């Protein structure tokens, strides 16, 4: 029996960045828009347009940045997705660099 692939589709607004903690053997496909992919400690810049895909053969973190509003599909035998902290765990001081402070 062939293991079933896990899939995740995301819509990313322009300039949004999605982190994939381990891109090893994950298919990253741009279904609309355009995305830029960079891997930790890799000098390559990978730009995908609709219908193009990329797969890393190394265990590295990948950042997927939307160059314009884009849809991206990830598929692999096992996906490891970084989760954002729960709202209660987020520090109100995170706004400080943006010129705002907690009220």
C-alpha atoms as a PDB file:
ATOM      1  CA  UNK A   1       0.000   0.000   0.000  1.00  0.00           C
ATOM      2  CA  UNK A   2       1.344   3.434  -0.976  1.00  0.00           C
ATOM      3  CA  UNK A   3       1.292   5.985   1.861  1.00  0.00           C
ATOM      4  CA  UNK A   4      -1.157   8.788   1.266  1.00  0.00           C
ATOM      5  CA  UNK A   5       0.386  12.214   0.714  1.00  0.00           C
ATOM      6  CA  UNK A   6      -0.533  15.066   2.991  1.00  0.00           C
ATOM      7  CA  UNK A   7      -1.564  18.255   1.245  1.00  0.00           C
ATOM      8  CA  UNK A   8      -1.955  21.853   2.290  1.00  0.00           C
ATOM      9  CA  UNK A   9      -3.165  24.708   0.084  1.00  0.00           C
ATOM     10  CA  UNK A  10      -2.681  28.316   1.144  1.00  0.00           C
ATOM     11  CA  UNK A  11      -3.739  31.672  -0.191  1.00  0.00           C
ATOM     12  CA  UNK A  12      -1.057  34.232   0.597  1.00  0.00           C
ATOM     13  CA  UNK A  13      -1.588  37.979   0.284  1.00  0.00           C
ATOM     14  CA  UNK A  14       1.165  40.034  -1.342  1.00  0.00           C
ATOM     15  CA  UNK A  15       4.329  40.179   0.845  1.00  0.00           C
ATOM     16  CA  UNK A  16       3.119  37.388   3.169  1.00  0.00           C
ATOM     17  CA  UNK A  17       5.778  34.901   4.286  1.00  0.00           C
ATOM     18  CA  UNK A  18       5.092  31.273   5.161  1.00  0.00           C
ATOM     19  CA  UNK A  19       7.698  29.212   7.033  1.00  0.00           C
ATOM     20  CA  UNK A  20       8.178  25.533   6.328  1.00  0.00           C
ATOM     21  CA  UNK A  21      10.458  24.203   9.125  1.00  0.00           C
ATOM     22  CA  UNK A  22      11.755  21.260   7.064  1.00  0.00           C
ATOM     23  CA  UNK A  23      11.324  21.380   3.300  1.00  0.00           C
ATOM     24  CA  UNK A  24      12.911  17.967   2.687  1.00  0.00           C
ATOM     25  CA  UNK A  25      10.976  16.217  -0.096  1.00  0.00           C
ATOM     26  CA  UNK A  26       8.049  18.633   0.121  1.00  0.00           C
ATOM     27  CA  UNK A  27       6.546  19.569  -3.233  1.00  0.00           C
ATOM     28  CA  UNK A  28       5.873  23.310  -3.327  1.00  0.00           C
ATOM     29  CA  UNK A  29       3.638  24.294  -6.230  1.00  0.00           C
ATOM     30  CA  UNK A  30       2.501  27.778  -7.198  1.00  0.00           C
ATOM     31  CA  UNK A  31      -1.077  27.560  -8.474  1.00  0.00           C
ATOM     32  CA  UNK A  32      -1.567  31.320  -8.961  1.00  0.00           C
ATOM     33  CA  UNK A  33       0.440  34.495  -8.504  1.00  0.00           C
ATOM     34  CA  UNK A  34       4.199  34.271  -7.924  1.00  0.00           C
ATOM     35  CA  UNK A  35       6.268  33.165  -4.918  1.00  0.00           C
ATOM     36  CA  UNK A  36       9.923  33.420  -3.954  1.00  0.00           C
ATOM     37  CA  UNK A  37      11.441  30.521  -2.014  1.00  0.00           C
ATOM     38  CA  UNK A  38      14.657  30.691  -0.041  1.00  0.00           C
ATOM     39  CA  UNK A  39      16.244  27.856   1.926  1.00  0.00           C
ATOM     40  CA  UNK A  40      18.484  28.326   4.962  1.00  0.00           C
ATOM     41  CA  UNK A  41      22.183  28.322   3.986  1.00  0.00           C
ATOM     42  CA  UNK A  42      21.392  28.032   0.260  1.00  0.00           C
ATOM     43  CA  UNK A  43      22.468  30.767  -2.143  1.00  0.00           C
ATOM     44  CA  UNK A  44      19.751  29.974  -4.682  1.00  0.00           C
ATOM     45  CA  UNK A  45      16.664  32.095  -5.127  1.00  0.00           C
ATOM     46  CA  UNK A  46      13.744  30.088  -6.445  1.00  0.00           C
ATOM     47  CA  UNK A  47      10.859  31.968  -8.052  1.00  0.00           C
ATOM     48  CA  UNK A  48       7.749  30.015  -8.987  1.00  0.00           C
ATOM     49  CA  UNK A  49       4.957  31.139 -11.263  1.00  0.00           C
ATOM     50  CA  UNK A  50       1.636  29.357 -11.860  1.00  0.00           C
ATOM     51  CA  UNK A  51       2.122  25.681 -12.714  1.00  0.00           C
ATOM     52  CA  UNK A  52       5.750  25.547 -11.533  1.00  0.00           C
ATOM     53  CA  UNK A  53       6.931  23.456  -8.596  1.00  0.00           C
ATOM     54  CA  UNK A  54      10.017  22.945  -6.481  1.00  0.00           C
ATOM     55  CA  UNK A  55      11.231  20.114  -4.238  1.00  0.00           C
ATOM     56  CA  UNK A  56      14.177  20.331  -1.846  1.00  0.00           C
ATOM     57  CA  UNK A  57      16.426  17.320  -1.366  1.00  0.00           C
ATOM     58  CA  UNK A  58      17.904  18.638   1.906  1.00  0.00           C
ATOM     59  CA  UNK A  59      16.621  19.154   5.440  1.00  0.00           C
ATOM     60  CA  UNK A  60      16.438  22.948   5.548  1.00  0.00           C
ATOM     61  CA  UNK A  61      13.926  25.553   6.601  1.00  0.00           C
ATOM     62  CA  UNK A  62      12.172  27.210   3.672  1.00  0.00           C
ATOM     63  CA  UNK A  63      10.614  30.647   3.552  1.00  0.00           C
ATOM     64  CA  UNK A  64       7.915  31.077   0.924  1.00  0.00           C
ATOM     65  CA  UNK A  65       7.219  34.747   0.201  1.00  0.00           C
ATOM     66  CA  UNK A  66       4.335  35.943  -1.958  1.00  0.00           C
ATOM     67  CA  UNK A  67       5.553  38.415  -4.583  1.00  0.00           C
ATOM     68  CA  UNK A  68       1.883  39.102  -5.325  1.00  0.00           C
ATOM     69  CA  UNK A  69      -1.370  37.603  -4.062  1.00  0.00           C
ATOM     70  CA  UNK A  70      -0.713  33.885  -4.586  1.00  0.00           C
ATOM     71  CA  UNK A  71      -1.980  30.377  -3.976  1.00  0.00           C
ATOM     72  CA  UNK A  72       0.526  27.687  -3.027  1.00  0.00           C
ATOM     73  CA  UNK A  73       0.058  23.930  -2.626  1.00  0.00           C
ATOM     74  CA  UNK A  74       2.363  21.860  -0.401  1.00  0.00           C
ATOM     75  CA  UNK A  75       2.371  18.064  -0.562  1.00  0.00           C
ATOM     76  CA  UNK A  76       4.579  15.405   1.030  1.00  0.00           C
ATOM     77  CA  UNK A  77       4.451  12.087   2.839  1.00  0.00           C
ATOM     78  CA  UNK A  78       4.552  14.082   6.114  1.00  0.00           C
ATOM     79  CA  UNK A  79       4.268  17.847   6.479  1.00  0.00           C
ATOM     80  CA  UNK A  80       5.751  19.738   9.407  1.00  0.00           C
ATOM     81  CA  UNK A  81       4.084  23.124   9.583  1.00  0.00           C
ATOM     82  CA  UNK A  82       5.095  25.893  11.979  1.00  0.00           C
ATOM     83  CA  UNK A  83       2.195  27.102  14.066  1.00  0.00           C
ATOM     84  CA  UNK A  84       1.805  30.696  15.186  1.00  0.00           C
ATOM     85  CA  UNK A  85       1.659  31.212  18.938  1.00  0.00           C
ATOM     86  CA  UNK A  86      -1.809  31.358  20.462  1.00  0.00           C
ATOM     87  CA  UNK A  87      -3.053  34.945  20.895  1.00  0.00           C
ATOM     88  CA  UNK A  88      -2.827  34.719  24.711  1.00  0.00           C
ATOM     89  CA  UNK A  89       0.886  33.836  24.447  1.00  0.00           C
ATOM     90  CA  UNK A  90       1.779  36.802  22.230  1.00  0.00           C
ATOM     91  CA  UNK A  91       3.479  39.680  23.964  1.00  0.00           C
ATOM     92  CA  UNK A  92       1.760  43.067  23.661  1.00  0.00           C
ATOM     93  CA  UNK A  93       5.277  44.539  23.276  1.00  0.00           C
ATOM     94  CA  UNK A  94       5.525  42.985  19.800  1.00  0.00           C
ATOM     95  CA  UNK A  95       3.972  46.256  18.562  1.00  0.00           C
ATOM     96  CA  UNK A  96       6.847  48.401  19.903  1.00  0.00           C
ATOM     97  CA  UNK A  97       8.976  48.248  16.686  1.00  0.00           C
ATOM     98  CA  UNK A  98       5.924  49.504  14.761  1.00  0.00           C
ATOM     99  CA  UNK A  99       5.632  52.654  16.856  1.00  0.00           C
ATOM    100  CA  UNK A 100       2.842  51.333  19.070  1.00  0.00           C
ATOM    101  CA  UNK A 101       2.798  50.361  22.728  1.00  0.00           C
ATOM    102  CA  UNK A 102       0.327  48.365  24.834  1.00  0.00           C
ATOM    103  CA  UNK A 103      -2.530  50.413  26.229  1.00  0.00           C
END
